[in-house]
Amino acid sequence: MLRRSVPRVLPLVLALLAGAAPVALAAPGARDSATADSAGVAPRDSLPLRFVPVQALGDSAGGRAALAEPSGVTCDAFGRIYVADAAQNRLVRYDAAGAWLGEAGALGSGAGDLRRPTDAVAVGSLGVAILDRENQRIVLYDLFGRLQGVLTDLAALAEDVGRIDPLALAADRGGALYVADADGDRLLALDFRGQYTRTLGGYGAGGGSFRGLSGVAAGRDGEVVTAERAGRRVQRLEPGGHMLASWPLPAGPRRGRLPVAVDDSARVAVADESTGRLWLFDAAGRALAERDGLAGPRALAFAPDGSLLAAESGARRVRRFVLVPAGTPAPPGR
């Protein structure tokens, strides 16, 4: 593995993304039932909202617009969509309508190369960070897909903090980054320059500890939300790691990712890659919506209009969902 193959990027002037209210469209007719889970989610007929699919990109496209293994997704303030395609070792860019804008990356460990990128996050309003997992680094691109440099060399950081198995990446509005380390059941916190600042968590069942850390997201006020595969729970943490709230997830297989996303209202979306289920909770953990039938969801991201993007590796696509009141007619969508 080639380390420090790209010069470290100078600090960017990071701007805050503007929040927006969710779109209000009509509701779906997809696989709803009145059965209750053993823990964590109420019967679906009692939930106030539904997920409606209204757009899909990558699955039916041809040429460079087609996705092979979408494993990370994010959105900028203009609605443009950025997808980490793990199988093709690239970052793919689309406009808000799903039209292909360009790509970056190729298989390798040199400057501009990627090896199984597994997550993508917007860094402020000026860049997109990619978790280049097998190269053990976080790489920064601008909004036009131009390489800016390596934010963090995780292989070098491991010399100080021990072995790192980077599974997921999150960024808050100020550009601070959080790396979910599956090997240590911990979060590695980095500042906006990519410099390590502290470690949160560690293995355990108590508040602020993790068992099978599998997903992480950051809210607009600096809070961190995590999901645990073995512990089957979601936690909301303050930036220092103190638990603010937690709630259970329904039982499921102890494999695959549990991607997480947080919107400007502190609502939390969680998906289960193994079962294809998607949930929405409020900040206290009350269930608001649920949907089945996703094909290997590995990443979630809220767009500025309040819609939710889901990277489905099993279907080779990214789908957009809107949240609507239960009981309304279904609009056209995918």
Protein backbone atom coordinates (compact mmCIF):
# COMPACT_ATOMS: atom_id res chain seq x y z
CA MET A 1 0.00 0.00 0.00
CA LEU A 2 1.33 3.39 -0.91
CA ARG A 3 0.98 5.82 1.97
CA ARG A 4 0.95 9.58 1.69
CA SER A 5 0.81 9.19 -2.08
CA VAL A 6 -1.19 12.41 -2.43
CA PRO A 7 0.02 15.65 -0.85
CA ARG A 8 -2.01 16.67 2.19
CA VAL A 9 -4.60 19.25 1.32
CA LEU A 10 -4.46 22.70 2.83
CA PRO A 11 -7.44 23.55 5.04
CA LEU A 12 -10.50 24.62 3.08
CA VAL A 13 -12.67 27.52 4.05
CA LEU A 14 -15.69 25.49 5.09
CA ALA A 15 -19.21 26.88 4.82
CA LEU A 16 -22.39 25.64 6.42
CA LEU A 17 -25.01 23.99 4.29
CA ALA A 18 -28.43 25.60 4.34
CA GLY A 19 -31.24 23.44 5.75
CA ALA A 20 -34.58 22.92 4.08
CA ALA A 21 -37.94 21.44 4.99
CA PRO A 22 -38.87 18.00 3.65
CA VAL A 23 -40.86 17.87 0.44
CA ALA A 24 -44.53 16.98 0.78
CA LEU A 25 -45.65 14.51 -1.85
CA ALA A 26 -48.20 11.74 -1.73
CA ALA A 27 -47.80 8.32 -0.15
CA PRO A 28 -46.84 4.87 -1.32
CA GLY A 29 -48.43 1.55 -1.53
CA ALA A 30 -45.37 -0.58 -0.80
CA ARG A 31 -45.38 -3.59 1.50
CA ASP A 32 -47.05 -2.17 4.58
CA SER A 33 -48.53 -4.44 7.23
CA ALA A 34 -49.94 -4.20 10.72
CA THR A 35 -47.37 -6.50 12.31
CA ALA A 36 -45.27 -5.18 15.19
CA ASP A 37 -41.57 -5.88 15.66
CA SER A 38 -40.20 -7.48 18.79
CA ALA A 39 -38.52 -4.18 19.75
CA GLY A 40 -38.04 -0.68 18.52
CA VAL A 41 -40.80 -0.13 15.94
CA ALA A 42 -44.58 0.17 16.33
CA PRO A 43 -47.08 -1.55 13.98
CA ARG A 44 -46.79 0.10 10.58
CA ASP A 45 -50.44 0.99 10.35
CA SER A 46 -49.95 3.27 13.36
CA LEU A 47 -46.94 5.14 11.95
CA PRO A 48 -47.67 8.72 10.82
CA LEU A 49 -45.40 8.81 7.74
CA ARG A 50 -44.48 6.66 4.77
CA PHE A 51 -41.47 6.42 2.49
CA VAL A 52 -42.32 6.99 -1.18
CA PRO A 53 -39.74 6.18 -3.90
CA VAL A 54 -39.75 8.95 -6.50
CA GLN A 55 -36.44 8.57 -8.34
CA ALA A 56 -33.79 5.95 -9.13
CA LEU A 57 -30.43 6.45 -10.76
CA GLY A 58 -27.65 4.14 -11.86
CA ASP A 59 -29.62 0.91 -12.30
CA SER A 60 -31.04 1.41 -15.78
CA ALA A 61 -28.42 3.84 -17.03
CA GLY A 62 -25.87 2.94 -19.66
CA GLY A 63 -22.15 3.63 -19.97
CA ARG A 64 -20.41 5.60 -17.23
CA ALA A 65 -23.69 6.54 -15.54
CA ALA A 66 -24.34 2.91 -14.57
CA LEU A 67 -23.45 1.89 -11.02
CA ALA A 68 -21.91 -1.46 -10.07
CA GLU A 69 -21.77 -1.36 -6.26
CA PRO A 70 -22.96 1.92 -4.72
CA SER A 71 -21.61 1.94 -1.17
CA GLY A 72 -21.70 5.62 -0.24
CA VAL A 73 -23.92 8.55 -1.13
CA THR A 74 -24.12 12.24 -0.27
CA CYS A 75 -25.67 15.42 -1.63
CA ASP A 76 -24.43 19.01 -1.84
CA ALA A 77 -26.38 22.23 -1.25
CA PHE A 78 -27.34 22.38 -4.95
CA GLY A 79 -28.89 18.91 -4.89
CA ARG A 80 -26.06 17.24 -6.83
CA ILE A 81 -25.53 13.61 -5.86
CA TYR A 82 -22.16 11.96 -5.22
CA VAL A 83 -21.86 8.16 -5.13
CA ALA A 84 -18.91 6.02 -4.02
CA ASP A 85 -18.92 3.00 -6.36
CA ALA A 86 -16.88 0.34 -4.55
CA ALA A 87 -16.70 -2.19 -7.39
CA GLN A 88 -15.53 0.38 -9.94
CA ASN A 89 -13.25 2.28 -7.53
CA ARG A 90 -14.62 5.70 -8.40
CA LEU A 91 -16.65 8.70 -7.29
CA VAL A 92 -19.62 9.33 -9.59
CA ARG A 93 -21.43 12.66 -9.82
CA TYR A 94 -25.07 13.24 -10.89
CA ASP A 95 -27.26 16.31 -10.99
CA ALA A 96 -30.45 16.47 -8.94
CA ALA A 97 -32.43 14.97 -11.83
CA GLY A 98 -30.09 11.97 -12.02
CA ALA A 99 -28.11 12.99 -15.12
CA TRP A 100 -24.47 11.87 -15.09
CA LEU A 101 -22.04 14.76 -14.58
CA GLY A 102 -18.69 13.01 -14.34
CA GLU A 103 -16.51 10.67 -12.34
CA ALA A 104 -13.15 10.51 -10.61
CA GLY A 105 -10.86 7.74 -9.48
CA ALA A 106 -9.42 4.47 -10.76
CA LEU A 107 -8.15 1.27 -9.18
CA GLY A 108 -4.85 1.84 -7.41
CA SER A 109 -3.05 3.43 -4.51
CA GLY A 110 -1.49 6.45 -6.17
CA ALA A 111 -2.67 10.03 -6.46
CA GLY A 112 -6.29 10.04 -7.61
CA ASP A 113 -6.71 6.29 -7.20
CA LEU A 114 -9.20 4.46 -4.99
CA ARG A 115 -9.55 0.94 -3.61
CA ARG A 116 -13.12 0.02 -2.67
CA PRO A 117 -14.39 3.43 -1.54
CA THR A 118 -17.10 2.72 1.03
CA ASP A 119 -18.57 6.07 2.04
CA ALA A 120 -19.03 9.64 0.84
CA VAL A 121 -19.88 12.73 2.91
CA ALA A 122 -20.26 16.41 2.15
CA VAL A 123 -17.61 18.47 3.95
CA GLY A 124 -19.15 21.88 4.55
CA SER A 125 -20.37 23.23 1.22
CA LEU A 126 -17.09 23.11 -0.70
CA GLY A 127 -16.04 19.49 -0.87
CA VAL A 128 -16.82 15.79 -0.69
CA ALA A 129 -14.76 13.37 1.39
CA ILE A 130 -14.43 9.71 0.36
CA LEU A 131 -13.51 6.87 2.71
CA ASP A 132 -10.91 5.05 0.58
CA ARG A 133 -11.12 1.94 2.71
CA GLU A 134 -8.49 -0.41 1.34
CA ASN A 135 -6.01 2.43 0.89
CA GLN A 136 -6.66 3.37 4.54
CA ARG A 137 -7.22 7.07 3.90
CA ILE A 138 -9.81 9.81 3.56
CA VAL A 139 -9.58 11.65 0.24
CA LEU A 140 -11.07 15.06 -0.51
CA TYR A 141 -12.61 16.22 -3.80
CA ASP A 142 -14.18 19.53 -4.71
CA LEU A 143 -17.75 19.72 -6.00
CA PHE A 144 -16.55 19.27 -9.58
CA GLY A 145 -14.83 15.98 -8.77
CA ARG A 146 -11.33 17.43 -8.79
CA LEU A 147 -8.92 15.83 -6.36
CA GLN A 148 -7.86 18.14 -3.54
CA GLY A 149 -5.66 15.75 -1.61
CA VAL A 150 -5.60 13.36 1.32
CA LEU A 151 -7.32 14.66 4.42
CA THR A 152 -6.27 11.81 6.69
CA ASP A 153 -3.79 8.96 6.28
CA LEU A 154 -5.45 6.34 8.47
CA ALA A 155 -2.49 3.95 8.13
CA ALA A 156 -0.24 6.60 9.66
CA LEU A 157 -2.82 7.36 12.35
CA ALA A 158 -2.93 3.66 13.27
CA GLU A 159 0.66 3.94 14.42
CA ASP A 160 -0.60 6.15 17.26
CA VAL A 161 -4.09 4.75 18.00
CA GLY A 162 -3.76 1.09 17.00
CA ARG A 163 -5.23 -0.93 14.16
CA ILE A 164 -8.15 0.74 12.33
CA ASP A 165 -10.85 -0.99 10.29
CA PRO A 166 -12.66 2.04 8.79
CA LEU A 167 -16.26 1.08 8.08
CA ALA A 168 -18.21 4.35 7.83
CA LEU A 169 -17.63 8.09 7.71
CA ALA A 170 -19.65 11.10 8.88
CA ALA A 171 -19.14 14.88 8.81
CA ASP A 172 -20.85 17.66 10.74
CA ARG A 173 -21.68 21.15 9.47
CA GLY A 174 -18.33 22.55 10.58
CA GLY A 175 -16.38 19.89 8.68
CA ALA A 176 -15.43 17.73 11.67
CA LEU A 177 -15.21 14.07 10.66
CA TYR A 178 -16.03 10.83 12.46
CA VAL A 179 -14.65 7.46 11.37
CA ALA A 180 -16.44 4.33 12.60
CA ASP A 181 -13.71 1.82 13.47
CA ALA A 182 -15.27 -1.65 13.35
CA ASP A 183 -12.17 -3.31 14.79
CA GLY A 184 -12.14 -1.21 17.97
CA ASP A 185 -15.87 -0.48 18.32
CA ARG A 186 -14.98 3.21 18.54
CA LEU A 187 -15.30 6.52 16.76
CA LEU A 188 -12.20 8.42 15.72
CA ALA A 189 -12.93 12.16 15.71
CA LEU A 190 -11.01 14.41 13.29
CA ASP A 191 -11.08 18.18 12.86
CA PHE A 192 -11.89 19.89 9.54
CA ARG A 193 -8.23 19.58 8.49
CA GLY A 194 -8.36 15.81 9.00
CA GLN A 195 -6.27 15.90 12.16
CA TYR A 196 -7.08 13.36 14.87
CA THR A 197 -8.57 14.95 18.01
CA ARG A 198 -10.03 12.20 20.20
CA THR A 199 -11.53 8.72 20.45
CA LEU A 200 -15.13 8.10 21.45
CA GLY A 201 -16.60 4.85 22.69
CA GLY A 202 -15.04 1.42 22.86
CA TYR A 203 -16.57 -2.00 23.33
CA GLY A 204 -19.38 -2.22 25.86
CA ALA A 205 -23.12 -2.18 26.49
CA GLY A 206 -23.25 1.11 28.39
CA GLY A 207 -24.12 4.53 27.05
CA GLY A 208 -21.42 5.86 24.75
CA SER A 209 -19.97 2.37 24.19
CA PHE A 210 -20.62 0.09 21.23
CA ARG A 211 -21.15 -3.55 20.34
CA GLY A 212 -20.77 -4.06 16.62
CA LEU A 213 -20.53 -0.41 15.59
CA SER A 214 -21.90 -0.36 12.06
CA GLY A 215 -23.08 3.15 11.14
CA VAL A 216 -22.49 6.79 12.04
CA ALA A 217 -23.96 10.17 11.10
CA ALA A 218 -23.60 13.72 12.43
CA GLY A 219 -26.41 16.19 13.08
CA ARG A 220 -26.44 19.91 12.39
CA ASP A 221 -25.74 20.80 16.04
CA GLY A 222 -22.71 18.56 16.34
CA GLU A 223 -24.51 15.55 17.78
CA VAL A 224 -23.40 12.10 16.60
CA VAL A 225 -25.78 9.23 15.89
CA THR A 226 -24.59 5.62 15.78
CA ALA A 227 -26.08 2.20 15.04
CA GLU A 228 -24.81 -1.11 16.41
CA ARG A 229 -25.17 -4.46 14.72
CA ALA A 230 -24.62 -6.72 17.76
CA GLY A 231 -26.17 -4.32 20.26
CA ARG A 232 -29.17 -3.67 17.95
CA ARG A 233 -29.58 -0.11 19.09
CA VAL A 234 -29.26 3.50 17.98
CA GLN A 235 -27.52 6.10 20.16
CA ARG A 236 -27.53 9.90 20.03
CA LEU A 237 -24.32 11.28 21.51
CA GLU A 238 -23.08 14.74 22.29
CA PRO A 239 -19.75 15.63 20.62
CA GLY A 240 -17.87 14.53 23.75
CA GLY A 241 -19.42 11.05 23.60
CA HIS A 242 -22.03 11.36 26.38
CA MET A 243 -25.25 9.53 25.48
CA LEU A 244 -28.30 11.77 25.05
CA ALA A 245 -30.75 9.09 23.97
CA SER A 246 -30.87 5.49 22.79
CA TRP A 247 -33.47 3.09 21.44
CA PRO A 248 -33.57 -0.52 20.20
CA LEU A 249 -33.72 -1.82 16.68
CA PRO A 250 -35.64 -4.96 15.73
CA ALA A 251 -33.64 -8.18 15.88
CA GLY A 252 -31.68 -9.04 12.76
CA PRO A 253 -28.59 -10.80 11.41
CA ARG A 254 -25.24 -9.75 12.85
CA ARG A 255 -23.72 -8.95 9.49
CA GLY A 256 -23.91 -6.13 6.99
CA ARG A 257 -24.02 -2.41 7.60
CA LEU A 258 -26.54 -0.29 9.45
CA PRO A 259 -26.24 3.04 7.61
CA VAL A 260 -27.52 6.15 9.39
CA ALA A 261 -28.55 9.66 8.32
CA VAL A 262 -29.82 12.67 10.29
CA ASP A 263 -31.90 15.54 8.89
CA ASP A 264 -32.16 19.15 10.05
CA SER A 265 -35.05 18.28 12.35
CA ALA A 266 -32.87 15.68 14.13
CA ARG A 267 -34.91 12.86 12.64
CA VAL A 268 -32.84 9.70 12.23
CA ALA A 269 -33.02 7.29 9.28
CA VAL A 270 -31.53 3.82 9.72
CA ALA A 271 -31.37 0.94 7.22
CA ASP A 272 -30.39 -2.70 7.59
CA GLU A 273 -28.25 -3.96 4.71
CA SER A 274 -29.00 -7.62 5.53
CA THR A 275 -32.79 -7.40 5.73
CA GLY A 276 -33.46 -4.46 3.40
CA ARG A 277 -35.51 -2.57 5.99
CA LEU A 278 -35.57 1.19 6.40
CA TRP A 279 -36.79 3.14 9.44
CA LEU A 280 -37.28 6.76 10.44
CA PHE A 281 -37.26 7.89 14.09
CA ASP A 282 -37.64 11.22 15.80
CA ALA A 283 -34.88 12.54 18.06
CA ALA A 284 -36.26 10.61 21.05
CA GLY A 285 -36.44 7.31 19.18
CA ARG A 286 -40.16 7.24 18.39
CA ALA A 287 -40.84 5.42 15.13
CA LEU A 288 -42.23 7.63 12.34
CA ALA A 289 -41.97 5.48 9.20
CA GLU A 290 -40.81 2.08 7.98
CA ARG A 291 -40.34 0.35 4.63
CA ASP A 292 -39.23 -3.10 3.47
CA GLY A 293 -37.78 -4.29 0.22
CA LEU A 294 -34.56 -2.31 -0.20
CA ALA A 295 -31.77 -4.26 -1.91
CA GLY A 296 -28.69 -4.17 0.29
CA PRO A 297 -28.81 -0.56 1.52
CA ARG A 298 -25.26 0.48 2.45
CA ALA A 299 -25.56 4.25 2.78
CA LEU A 300 -28.18 6.92 3.47
CA ALA A 301 -28.11 10.70 3.07
CA PHE A 302 -30.70 13.44 3.39
CA ALA A 303 -30.85 15.91 0.50
CA PRO A 304 -31.40 19.67 1.02
CA ASP A 305 -35.09 19.29 0.05
CA GLY A 306 -35.63 16.78 2.88
CA SER A 307 -35.79 13.68 0.68
CA LEU A 308 -33.71 10.63 1.58
CA LEU A 309 -31.16 8.99 -0.73
CA ALA A 310 -30.43 5.29 -0.27
CA ALA A 311 -27.50 3.52 -1.96
CA GLU A 312 -28.70 -0.02 -2.70
CA SER A 313 -25.70 -2.17 -3.56
CA GLY A 314 -27.82 -5.21 -4.38
CA ALA A 315 -29.83 -3.35 -7.02
CA ARG A 316 -26.91 -1.23 -8.32
CA ARG A 317 -28.84 1.97 -7.81
CA VAL A 318 -29.46 4.99 -5.63
CA ARG A 319 -33.12 5.65 -4.85
CA ARG A 320 -34.70 8.84 -3.58
CA PHE A 321 -37.54 8.60 -1.07
CA VAL A 322 -39.84 11.34 0.16
CA LEU A 323 -41.72 11.26 3.45
CA VAL A 324 -45.47 11.84 3.30
CA PRO A 325 -48.43 11.48 5.65
CA ALA A 326 -49.83 7.98 5.86
CA GLY A 327 -53.03 7.33 3.96
CA THR A 328 -52.51 9.65 0.98
CA PRO A 329 -52.49 8.44 -2.66
CA ALA A 330 -49.24 7.23 -4.17
CA PRO A 331 -47.51 9.50 -6.71
CA PRO A 332 -45.53 8.30 -9.74
CA GLY A 333 -42.13 7.06 -8.71
CA ARG A 334 -39.70 4.15 -8.59
